[in-house]
Amino acid sequence: MDKCKQVYEYIWNRVQRGEWQEHDKLPSVRMLAEELNVHRLTVFKAYQQLKDEKKVYVKDKSGYYVHPGMTMPFDDLDYPIVSSYVQKSHLSEIHRVPAAYQFSYALIDPNLLPNRYFSEYAKEIFDRYPKVLSTYSTIQGDEELRETLSRFFTNKHQFHLTADDILITSGSQQAIDILARMLVQPMDAVLLERPTYSAAIDIFRQQGAQIIPVDIHPYGYDLEQVESYMKQFKPRFFYLNPTFHNPTGYTVPAEQRKQLVELAERYRCFLLEDDPFRDIYFDREPPPPLFAYGTEGYVVYIRSFSKYVAPGLRIAAVCSQPSLMKHLFTVKSLADNGTPLLNQKIFLHYFMSKRLQQHIKKLRIALNVRKSIMEEELSGTNWTWDSPAGGLNLWVKLPASISMDMLLAKSIEQSISFVPGSICDPSKEAKSWIRLSYSYINEHQLSAGMKKLIRLSEQLDPP
């Protein structure tokens, strides 16, 4: 992508996000060139293209202004879910649409969690820590929890770290946001998997990043492509989810993990490893995290426990080298001044209990059953997918004869939701793909909802 196109997209994305409203004056050519560290002629050409497309207009001797009536496609549709995925790419907007058959939630059915036990257990925390509500946590996180996690990571994955190398965040999405704020300046190149977690795309775009998509396949990545991009674009980091990948379910093999770390160290490109599904495996444990292969501090490990321990606690851990950690403290302090101490203490003692290990084993069985039900319902269609060895989602390709937009709109009318693949694609080109999560609704609803979804598709694609 040439510089002019990058500047064009930077301006237009900010208009779309509402940062510049109708008739607002835009930064001068000189100011924007200095901010983005590009030549003034590059900014001028981008403004001229926007002017030619009637997205901005010019006042003589005054500058460029946002043209009135600038709206994205489909903003007048009655279906909020369709509008959101085309207009904003916000997964949160999709989740707000009420549906009886929720295939868009990559969350675990609350009925599969030990709620009664957890409720009784939480009461014990106040006996152990009677002042837990009377004080804040430190910005870095509760020391007892960080010590416990450092021992856990060392014993389980052979990480070489201490409690000082861990930051506790309020879920993995906050961790991604903090890292983006710390590492990304406008126009910085970042590598993202294609497809990927849609909220990460939104976060990096919000920071003004130049997103370079890297295709992920059942066998992992094309490492020649990755190395070529690291050479050409000199990205700040590569955000990746290599274990039971969201949305595809793919798992990057161990030999590629080691090679990725070697590339990152060679080209001084951070790897932001997001690992929320590691314990949700159906057969055997996945390969070690990329962090286990790192020796020079170029891997930052984000481990969320919210999916299967206790979603309401919103606990995640960021592991990084000390030189990064001190900057993370600053950004975290501006975000919330520390994750709630009560949440951390509840998580700490439940995480180390035998009951949790029993719970995880049962959970794997239950989720594998639900995945099998979804795949059985799909087996009579000509839809295609790769069966994942873990995680919460199926990444499904529709036949070319079915319009995903129409299927989405008709599904909402029948109280069915799913995630359109285009919001998981930084290039917005995955028009024939959808993500179906099998983890949130019970087995009966799962079967009934899939039958309804397939019948709808058949109405759109008669034989």
Protein backbone atom coordinates (compact mmCIF):
# COMPACT_ATOMS: atom_id res chain seq x y z
CA MET A 1 0.00 0.00 0.00
CA ASP A 2 1.54 3.36 -1.00
CA LYS A 3 1.88 6.28 1.41
CA CYS A 4 -0.86 8.32 -0.22
CA LYS A 5 -3.35 5.49 0.19
CA GLN A 6 -2.33 5.06 3.83
CA VAL A 7 -2.89 8.74 4.57
CA TYR A 8 -6.22 8.64 2.71
CA GLU A 9 -7.41 5.72 4.84
CA TYR A 10 -6.15 7.34 8.03
CA ILE A 11 -8.22 10.48 7.36
CA TRP A 12 -11.29 8.62 6.14
CA ASN A 13 -11.25 6.15 9.07
CA ARG A 14 -11.25 9.02 11.54
CA VAL A 15 -14.19 10.61 9.74
CA GLN A 16 -16.05 7.30 9.85
CA ARG A 17 -15.39 6.93 13.57
CA GLY A 18 -16.98 10.33 14.12
CA GLU A 19 -13.80 12.03 15.33
CA TRP A 20 -14.38 14.66 12.66
CA GLN A 21 -18.02 15.60 12.12
CA GLU A 22 -19.81 17.24 9.19
CA HIS A 23 -18.29 20.64 8.33
CA ASP A 24 -15.40 20.16 10.81
CA LYS A 25 -12.14 21.65 9.65
CA LEU A 26 -9.47 19.04 9.03
CA PRO A 27 -5.78 19.42 9.97
CA SER A 28 -3.71 21.43 7.54
CA VAL A 29 -1.48 19.67 5.03
CA ARG A 30 1.59 20.82 6.97
CA MET A 31 0.26 19.69 10.37
CA LEU A 32 -0.84 16.26 9.12
CA ALA A 33 2.44 15.71 7.27
CA GLU A 34 4.36 16.42 10.48
CA GLU A 35 2.06 14.20 12.58
CA LEU A 36 2.35 11.24 10.18
CA ASN A 37 5.98 11.87 9.25
CA VAL A 38 5.29 11.96 5.51
CA HIS A 39 5.92 14.48 2.72
CA ARG A 40 3.41 17.33 2.38
CA LEU A 41 2.73 16.34 -1.22
CA THR A 42 1.56 12.91 0.01
CA VAL A 43 -1.02 14.52 2.30
CA PHE A 44 -2.09 16.95 -0.43
CA LYS A 45 -2.73 14.06 -2.86
CA ALA A 46 -4.78 12.20 -0.23
CA TYR A 47 -6.89 15.30 0.43
CA GLN A 48 -7.40 15.80 -3.30
CA GLN A 49 -8.64 12.23 -3.69
CA LEU A 50 -11.07 12.72 -0.80
CA LYS A 51 -12.20 15.98 -2.41
CA ASP A 52 -12.72 14.28 -5.80
CA GLU A 53 -14.86 11.64 -4.06
CA LYS A 54 -16.86 14.42 -2.35
CA LYS A 55 -15.88 13.22 1.11
CA VAL A 56 -14.25 16.57 1.93
CA TYR A 57 -14.62 20.05 0.48
CA VAL A 58 -12.37 23.11 0.30
CA LYS A 59 -12.86 26.67 1.45
CA ASP A 60 -10.57 29.13 -0.27
CA LYS A 61 -7.62 30.11 1.92
CA SER A 62 -9.15 28.22 4.82
CA GLY A 63 -8.50 24.51 4.27
CA TYR A 64 -10.30 21.19 4.02
CA TYR A 65 -13.61 20.34 5.70
CA VAL A 66 -15.72 17.19 6.17
CA HIS A 67 -18.43 17.03 3.52
CA PRO A 68 -22.00 16.76 4.85
CA GLY A 69 -23.97 13.56 4.37
CA MET A 70 -21.02 11.22 4.74
CA THR A 71 -22.47 7.84 5.80
CA MET A 72 -21.34 4.28 5.43
CA PRO A 73 -23.29 1.68 3.39
CA PHE A 74 -26.36 0.06 4.94
CA ASP A 75 -26.75 2.62 7.71
CA ASP A 76 -30.43 2.92 6.90
CA LEU A 77 -31.23 -0.77 7.18
CA ASP A 78 -33.60 -1.93 9.90
CA TYR A 79 -31.19 -4.69 10.90
CA PRO A 80 -28.68 -3.31 13.42
CA ILE A 81 -26.45 -6.34 13.12
CA VAL A 82 -26.05 -5.85 9.36
CA SER A 83 -25.43 -2.13 9.80
CA SER A 84 -22.84 -2.73 12.52
CA TYR A 85 -20.72 -5.25 10.66
CA VAL A 86 -20.56 -3.13 7.50
CA GLN A 87 -20.41 0.24 9.17
CA LYS A 88 -18.31 -0.27 12.29
CA SER A 89 -17.05 -3.85 12.42
CA HIS A 90 -17.89 -3.86 16.13
CA LEU A 91 -18.46 -7.32 17.57
CA SER A 92 -20.04 -5.65 20.59
CA GLU A 93 -22.76 -4.23 18.34
CA ILE A 94 -23.60 -7.71 17.11
CA HIS A 95 -23.80 -9.02 20.67
CA ARG A 96 -26.37 -6.39 21.55
CA VAL A 97 -28.88 -7.86 19.13
CA PRO A 98 -31.20 -10.16 21.15
CA ALA A 99 -31.48 -13.69 19.78
CA ALA A 100 -32.86 -16.97 21.04
CA TYR A 101 -30.15 -18.87 19.17
CA GLN A 102 -26.87 -17.16 19.99
CA PHE A 103 -24.16 -18.48 17.70
CA SER A 104 -22.24 -15.18 17.91
CA TYR A 105 -21.13 -15.50 21.55
CA ALA A 106 -17.71 -17.12 21.95
CA LEU A 107 -18.59 -17.57 25.62
CA ILE A 108 -19.36 -20.62 27.69
CA ASP A 109 -22.93 -21.47 28.68
CA PRO A 110 -23.29 -20.22 32.29
CA ASN A 111 -25.02 -23.52 33.10
CA LEU A 112 -21.71 -25.31 32.43
CA LEU A 113 -19.96 -23.31 35.16
CA PRO A 114 -20.05 -24.35 38.87
CA ASN A 115 -22.17 -21.37 39.91
CA ARG A 116 -23.45 -22.59 43.28
CA TYR A 117 -20.04 -23.77 44.39
CA PHE A 118 -18.52 -20.55 43.16
CA SER A 119 -21.05 -18.45 45.07
CA GLU A 120 -20.31 -20.26 48.34
CA TYR A 121 -16.60 -20.15 47.68
CA ALA A 122 -16.59 -16.40 47.07
CA LYS A 123 -17.98 -15.82 50.57
CA GLU A 124 -14.88 -17.43 52.07
CA ILE A 125 -12.71 -14.74 50.51
CA PHE A 126 -14.12 -12.14 52.90
CA ASP A 127 -13.11 -14.32 55.83
CA ARG A 128 -9.59 -14.71 54.48
CA TYR A 129 -9.24 -11.06 53.47
CA PRO A 130 -11.62 -8.99 55.65
CA LYS A 131 -10.18 -5.70 54.28
CA VAL A 132 -10.35 -6.73 50.61
CA LEU A 133 -12.97 -4.07 49.80
CA SER A 134 -11.19 -1.40 51.81
CA THR A 135 -8.19 -0.94 49.54
CA TYR A 136 -7.07 -0.83 45.94
CA SER A 137 -4.90 -3.36 44.21
CA THR A 138 -1.51 -2.18 43.03
CA ILE A 139 -1.42 -1.10 39.38
CA GLN A 140 0.63 -4.18 38.46
CA GLY A 141 -1.76 -6.53 40.23
CA ASP A 142 -2.00 -8.45 43.48
CA GLU A 143 1.46 -9.75 44.42
CA GLU A 144 0.12 -13.06 45.75
CA LEU A 145 -1.65 -13.70 42.46
CA ARG A 146 1.38 -12.74 40.37
CA GLU A 147 3.64 -15.02 42.43
CA THR A 148 1.19 -17.89 41.95
CA LEU A 149 0.94 -17.32 38.19
CA SER A 150 4.71 -17.06 37.78
CA ARG A 151 5.10 -20.49 39.43
CA PHE A 152 2.25 -21.87 37.33
CA PHE A 153 3.72 -20.61 34.04
CA THR A 154 7.20 -21.82 34.98
CA ASN A 155 6.02 -25.31 35.94
CA LYS A 156 3.49 -25.70 33.14
CA HIS A 157 5.23 -24.04 30.19
CA GLN A 158 8.85 -23.57 31.31
CA PHE A 159 8.59 -19.79 31.20
CA HIS A 160 11.54 -17.94 32.69
CA LEU A 161 9.89 -15.13 34.61
CA THR A 162 9.13 -13.75 38.04
CA ALA A 163 6.12 -12.01 39.53
CA ASP A 164 7.68 -8.70 38.44
CA ASP A 165 7.29 -9.77 34.79
CA ILE A 166 3.49 -10.13 35.06
CA LEU A 167 0.76 -7.48 34.84
CA ILE A 168 -2.85 -8.31 35.77
CA THR A 169 -5.48 -6.73 33.50
CA SER A 170 -9.26 -6.67 33.40
CA GLY A 171 -9.55 -9.25 30.65
CA SER A 172 -7.52 -9.81 27.49
CA GLN A 173 -9.22 -7.05 25.53
CA GLN A 174 -7.90 -4.48 28.00
CA ALA A 175 -4.45 -6.04 27.63
CA ILE A 176 -4.62 -5.65 23.83
CA ASP A 177 -5.80 -2.06 24.17
CA ILE A 178 -3.01 -1.15 26.62
CA LEU A 179 -0.35 -2.68 24.39
CA ALA A 180 -1.76 -0.89 21.34
CA ARG A 181 -1.69 2.45 23.16
CA MET A 182 1.88 1.84 24.25
CA LEU A 183 3.33 0.51 20.99
CA VAL A 184 1.38 2.09 18.12
CA GLN A 185 1.59 5.58 16.68
CA PRO A 186 -0.45 6.72 13.64
CA MET A 187 0.73 5.04 10.44
CA ASP A 188 2.84 2.42 12.26
CA ALA A 189 2.68 -0.94 10.48
CA VAL A 190 1.31 -3.92 12.44
CA LEU A 191 0.84 -7.49 11.24
CA LEU A 192 -2.51 -9.16 11.91
CA GLU A 193 -3.73 -12.60 11.07
CA ARG A 194 -6.37 -12.83 8.38
CA PRO A 195 -8.93 -13.58 9.73
CA THR A 196 -8.53 -12.53 13.35
CA TYR A 197 -10.32 -11.38 16.51
CA SER A 198 -12.44 -8.49 15.27
CA ALA A 199 -12.06 -6.36 18.41
CA ALA A 200 -8.29 -6.36 17.89
CA ILE A 201 -8.80 -4.93 14.40
CA ASP A 202 -10.94 -2.15 15.87
CA ILE A 203 -8.41 -1.39 18.61
CA PHE A 204 -5.45 -1.12 16.23
CA ARG A 205 -7.41 0.96 13.73
CA GLN A 206 -8.40 3.28 16.56
CA GLN A 207 -4.70 3.93 17.12
CA GLY A 208 -4.22 4.76 13.44
CA ALA A 209 -2.18 1.64 12.63
CA GLN A 210 -1.41 0.53 9.08
CA ILE A 211 -2.69 -3.06 9.20
CA ILE A 212 -0.84 -5.67 7.14
CA PRO A 213 -2.86 -8.93 6.92
CA VAL A 214 -1.06 -12.29 7.23
CA ASP A 215 -3.06 -15.30 6.09
CA ILE A 216 -3.47 -18.13 8.58
CA HIS A 217 -4.03 -21.67 7.29
CA PRO A 218 -4.72 -25.06 8.88
CA TYR A 219 -0.96 -25.66 8.74
CA GLY A 220 -0.11 -22.25 10.25
CA TYR A 221 1.49 -19.35 8.38
CA ASP A 222 3.50 -18.91 5.21
CA LEU A 223 6.71 -17.99 7.01
CA GLU A 224 8.23 -16.62 3.80
CA GLN A 225 5.33 -14.17 3.66
CA VAL A 226 5.83 -13.25 7.32
CA GLU A 227 9.56 -12.65 6.83
CA SER A 228 8.94 -10.63 3.67
CA TYR A 229 6.49 -8.38 5.52
CA MET A 230 8.86 -7.94 8.46
CA LYS A 231 11.59 -6.87 6.04
CA GLN A 232 9.40 -4.61 3.93
CA PHE A 233 7.13 -2.91 6.49
CA LYS A 234 9.25 -3.08 9.66
CA PRO A 235 6.10 -3.62 11.76
CA ARG A 236 5.87 -2.68 15.41
CA PHE A 237 4.41 -6.09 16.21
CA PHE A 238 2.57 -9.15 14.93
CA TYR A 239 -0.67 -9.79 16.84
CA LEU A 240 -1.50 -13.48 16.71
CA ASN A 241 -3.68 -16.12 18.37
CA PRO A 242 -1.84 -19.35 17.47
CA THR A 243 -3.70 -21.80 19.74
CA PHE A 244 -7.29 -22.75 18.79
CA HIS A 245 -7.33 -19.55 16.81
CA ASN A 246 -10.31 -17.22 16.87
CA PRO A 247 -12.20 -17.52 14.53
CA THR A 248 -10.76 -20.47 12.56
CA GLY A 249 -9.85 -22.90 15.36
CA TYR A 250 -6.46 -23.58 13.73
CA THR A 251 -3.41 -24.33 15.89
CA VAL A 252 0.06 -23.33 14.71
CA PRO A 253 2.48 -26.30 14.98
CA ALA A 254 5.41 -26.25 17.40
CA GLU A 255 8.13 -26.04 14.73
CA GLN A 256 6.57 -22.86 13.30
CA ARG A 257 6.34 -21.30 16.75
CA LYS A 258 10.08 -21.55 17.22
CA GLN A 259 10.71 -20.14 13.73
CA LEU A 260 8.32 -17.24 14.35
CA VAL A 261 10.20 -16.27 17.48
CA GLU A 262 13.50 -16.43 15.58
CA LEU A 263 12.07 -14.12 12.90
CA ALA A 264 10.76 -11.71 15.52
CA GLU A 265 14.17 -11.51 17.17
CA ARG A 266 15.96 -11.12 13.85
CA TYR A 267 13.75 -8.26 12.66
CA ARG A 268 13.04 -6.75 16.08
CA CYS A 269 9.30 -7.22 15.74
CA PHE A 270 7.28 -7.93 18.87
CA LEU A 271 4.90 -10.89 18.85
CA LEU A 272 1.71 -10.20 20.82
CA GLU A 273 0.53 -13.72 21.62
CA ASP A 274 -3.14 -13.82 22.65
CA ASP A 275 -3.93 -17.15 24.34
CA PRO A 276 -7.52 -17.33 25.70
CA PHE A 277 -8.46 -20.89 24.65
CA ARG A 278 -5.39 -22.96 25.64
CA ASP A 279 -7.16 -25.17 28.19
CA ILE A 280 -10.17 -25.85 25.93
CA TYR A 281 -8.69 -28.83 24.06
CA PHE A 282 -10.55 -32.02 23.13
CA ASP A 283 -7.83 -34.57 22.58
CA ARG A 284 -4.30 -33.59 23.56
CA GLU A 285 -2.70 -30.45 24.88
CA PRO A 286 -1.55 -27.91 22.27
CA PRO A 287 2.12 -26.97 21.71
CA PRO A 288 3.80 -24.63 24.22
CA PRO A 289 3.16 -20.89 23.86
CA LEU A 290 5.51 -18.84 21.71
CA PHE A 291 6.67 -17.15 24.90
CA ALA A 292 8.38 -20.41 25.91
CA TYR A 293 10.68 -20.15 22.87
CA GLY A 294 11.70 -16.52 23.38
CA THR A 295 15.13 -15.56 24.70
CA GLU A 296 15.40 -11.85 23.86
CA GLY A 297 12.09 -10.46 25.09
CA TYR A 298 10.30 -10.03 21.75
CA VAL A 299 7.26 -12.11 22.76
CA VAL A 300 4.53 -10.55 24.90
CA TYR A 301 2.15 -13.19 26.25
CA ILE A 302 -1.51 -12.41 26.97
CA ARG A 303 -3.24 -15.18 28.91
CA SER A 304 -6.92 -14.78 29.63
CA PHE A 305 -8.74 -17.03 32.08
CA SER A 306 -12.15 -15.41 31.68
CA LYS A 307 -13.55 -17.94 29.23
CA TYR A 308 -13.67 -20.92 31.56
CA VAL A 309 -12.75 -19.93 35.13
CA ALA A 310 -15.20 -17.11 35.87
CA PRO A 311 -16.11 -14.72 33.05
CA GLY A 312 -17.49 -12.13 35.47
CA LEU A 313 -14.11 -11.66 37.14
CA ARG A 314 -12.40 -10.48 33.92
CA ILE A 315 -8.88 -11.64 34.81
CA ALA A 316 -5.98 -11.82 32.35
CA ALA A 317 -2.20 -11.75 32.72
CA VAL A 318 0.39 -10.04 30.50
CA CYS A 319 3.92 -11.45 30.60
CA SER A 320 6.71 -9.31 29.17
CA GLN A 321 10.29 -8.18 29.57
CA PRO A 322 11.02 -5.55 32.28
CA SER A 323 11.76 -2.77 29.79
CA LEU A 324 8.21 -3.03 28.43
CA MET A 325 6.57 -3.66 31.78
CA LYS A 326 7.40 -0.25 33.23
CA HIS A 327 5.65 1.44 30.30
CA LEU A 328 2.67 -0.89 30.65
CA PHE A 329 2.24 0.35 34.23
CA THR A 330 1.81 3.90 32.99
CA VAL A 331 -0.88 3.04 30.44
CA LYS A 332 -2.66 0.68 32.87
CA SER A 333 -2.75 3.39 35.53
CA LEU A 334 -4.51 5.70 33.09
CA ALA A 335 -7.01 2.97 32.18
CA ASP A 336 -8.28 2.03 35.64
CA ASN A 337 -5.47 2.37 38.21
CA GLY A 338 -5.52 -1.38 38.81
CA THR A 339 -7.81 -4.40 38.36
CA PRO A 340 -10.23 -4.80 41.31
CA LEU A 341 -8.52 -6.58 44.21
CA LEU A 342 -11.60 -8.62 45.15
CA ASN A 343 -11.75 -10.12 41.66
CA GLN A 344 -8.08 -11.05 41.85
CA LYS A 345 -8.37 -12.72 45.26
CA ILE A 346 -11.44 -14.73 44.25
CA PHE A 347 -9.73 -15.84 41.06
CA LEU A 348 -6.47 -16.70 42.86
CA HIS A 349 -7.95 -19.22 45.27
CA TYR A 350 -10.38 -20.77 42.81
CA PHE A 351 -7.66 -21.10 40.16
CA MET A 352 -5.48 -23.14 42.52
CA SER A 353 -8.29 -25.40 43.76
CA LYS A 354 -8.77 -29.06 42.82
CA ARG A 355 -12.37 -28.23 41.98
CA LEU A 356 -11.21 -26.10 39.04
CA GLN A 357 -9.26 -28.97 37.50
CA GLN A 358 -12.31 -31.23 37.78
CA HIS A 359 -14.43 -28.50 36.25
CA ILE A 360 -12.12 -28.03 33.26
CA LYS A 361 -12.14 -31.77 32.46
CA LYS A 362 -15.95 -31.87 32.47
CA LEU A 363 -16.09 -28.67 30.46
CA ARG A 364 -13.90 -30.08 27.69
CA ILE A 365 -16.23 -33.08 27.36
CA ALA A 366 -19.36 -30.92 27.28
CA LEU A 367 -17.95 -28.54 24.66
CA ASN A 368 -16.72 -31.39 22.48
CA VAL A 369 -20.24 -32.83 22.54
CA ARG A 370 -21.69 -29.49 21.47
CA LYS A 371 -19.16 -29.12 18.69
CA SER A 372 -20.15 -32.59 17.45
CA ILE A 373 -23.84 -31.63 17.47
CA MET A 374 -23.16 -28.54 15.37
CA GLU A 375 -21.02 -30.50 12.93
CA GLU A 376 -23.65 -33.24 12.68
CA GLU A 377 -26.31 -30.67 11.75
CA LEU A 378 -23.96 -29.16 9.15
CA SER A 379 -23.01 -32.53 7.68
CA GLY A 380 -26.05 -32.53 5.38
CA THR A 381 -25.12 -29.20 3.80
CA ASN A 382 -22.50 -28.22 1.24
CA TRP A 383 -20.93 -25.79 3.72
CA THR A 384 -17.25 -26.44 4.47
CA TRP A 385 -15.07 -26.12 7.57
CA ASP A 386 -12.04 -27.61 9.33
CA SER A 387 -12.95 -29.36 12.57
CA PRO A 388 -10.95 -27.69 15.38
CA ALA A 389 -9.14 -29.64 18.10
CA GLY A 390 -10.22 -27.10 20.72
CA GLY A 391 -11.72 -23.68 21.31
CA LEU A 392 -15.30 -22.49 20.98
CA ASN A 393 -15.93 -21.80 17.28
CA LEU A 394 -16.43 -23.24 13.82
CA TRP A 395 -15.20 -21.14 10.87
CA VAL A 396 -17.62 -22.08 8.12
CA LYS A 397 -17.58 -21.27 4.41
CA LEU A 398 -20.92 -20.82 2.70
CA PRO A 399 -21.43 -21.85 -0.93
CA ALA A 400 -21.05 -18.99 -3.40
CA SER A 401 -24.76 -19.18 -4.21
CA ILE A 402 -25.77 -17.98 -0.72
CA SER A 403 -25.59 -14.27 0.07
CA MET A 404 -24.21 -13.89 3.57
CA ASP A 405 -25.83 -10.45 3.89
CA MET A 406 -29.26 -11.89 3.14
CA LEU A 407 -28.69 -14.90 5.40
CA LEU A 408 -27.69 -12.55 8.22
CA ALA A 409 -30.76 -10.36 7.78
CA LYS A 410 -33.14 -13.33 7.57
CA SER A 411 -31.49 -14.97 10.57
CA ILE A 412 -32.12 -11.92 12.73
CA GLU A 413 -35.80 -12.06 11.81
CA GLN A 414 -35.82 -15.64 13.14
CA SER A 415 -33.88 -14.71 16.34
CA ILE A 416 -30.63 -16.31 15.21
CA SER A 417 -27.27 -14.55 15.40
CA PHE A 418 -23.83 -15.39 14.06
CA VAL A 419 -20.65 -13.47 13.31
CA PRO A 420 -20.16 -12.44 9.66
CA GLY A 421 -16.67 -13.33 8.52
CA SER A 422 -15.98 -9.90 7.04
CA ILE A 423 -15.65 -8.31 10.48
CA CYS A 424 -12.87 -10.80 11.27
CA ASP A 425 -10.98 -9.88 8.10
CA PRO A 426 -8.76 -6.78 8.17
CA SER A 427 -9.34 -6.53 4.41
CA LYS A 428 -13.13 -7.09 4.79
CA GLU A 429 -13.06 -9.64 1.99
CA ALA A 430 -14.27 -12.81 3.79
CA LYS A 431 -17.77 -12.42 2.38
CA SER A 432 -18.55 -16.14 2.23
CA TRP A 433 -17.41 -17.02 5.75
CA ILE A 434 -19.26 -17.03 9.06
CA ARG A 435 -18.23 -17.83 12.61
CA LEU A 436 -20.55 -20.13 14.54
CA SER A 437 -19.91 -20.55 18.27
CA TYR A 438 -21.15 -23.82 19.78
CA SER A 439 -20.35 -22.99 23.40
CA TYR A 440 -23.08 -20.65 24.63
CA ILE A 441 -26.44 -22.35 24.16
CA ASN A 442 -27.48 -25.78 25.40
CA GLU A 443 -27.55 -28.92 23.29
CA HIS A 444 -31.28 -28.78 22.51
CA GLN A 445 -31.12 -25.10 21.47
CA LEU A 446 -27.98 -25.78 19.48
CA SER A 447 -29.61 -28.50 17.41
CA ALA A 448 -32.86 -26.57 16.94
CA GLY A 449 -31.08 -23.33 16.05
CA MET A 450 -28.81 -24.98 13.51
CA LYS A 451 -31.79 -26.64 11.84
CA LYS A 452 -33.51 -23.26 11.54
CA LEU A 453 -30.36 -21.59 10.18
CA ILE A 454 -29.90 -24.30 7.55
CA ARG A 455 -33.55 -24.08 6.50
CA LEU A 456 -33.15 -20.34 6.03
CA SER A 457 -30.11 -20.89 3.84
CA GLU A 458 -32.04 -23.40 1.74
CA GLN A 459 -34.77 -20.80 1.14
CA LEU A 460 -32.10 -18.43 -0.17
CA ASP A 461 -30.48 -21.16 -2.28
CA PRO A 462 -33.22 -23.43 -3.63
CA PRO A 463 -32.06 -26.55 -5.53
